[in-house]
Amino acid sequence: MNGKIAIVPGSFDPMTTGHRALVETVAARYETVYVAVMTNFEKQPLLDSALRCKIAELTVADLPNVKVIADNGLLVDLFDRLHADVVCKGYRNEKDYAYEKTQDEWNRAHNPRFVTELIPAKPGTKEISSTLVRRLMEKGMPLTGLVADQAVPILLDFSIKAFKK
């Protein structure tokens, strides 16, 4: 363990088993990990911030060094507020990697202390995305294996209310 503070940011709309795998990797490397449920102003979330946080909390509840927080500001500012040492971002493919590198360059230009660690998706999680989960929710299809077991009934209940015809 590096004995440092790491942030795993994302919109987590909702948090998936792929996100969980990333957080597990980071939790094994760093003393304190903040899962930061952020607002991405380029996206229109399906779930509100409170529900995204609740699902994230259920998903990582068994990881003692992981805390879930919500933040509506810029990641570069949160990095300083938490006295973080690193931001850990996952990527599934070259498109994700290129996007995260661009984000890292912007953040470092605004804070020279900013460090991003890019972590490749674990095998078996590359095809899992929040977008896939939302599409399945809309169609009333099973979510088992894509989100934490504890999140399935919450998302099912949400789907019934949000997508009833």
Foldseek 3Di string as FASTA:
>chain_A
DQAFEEEAEDLPLPPWVQNLVQVVVVLVVYQAYEDENEDDPVDDRPDDPVLNQVQVCVSCVVRVRYHYDYDHDDPLVVCVVVVGQEYEYEDLDPVRVVVVVVVQVVSCVVPVSYHYDYDYTDPPCSVADSVVVVVCLLVLHFCPNTGDPVCRVVSNVVSCVPNPD
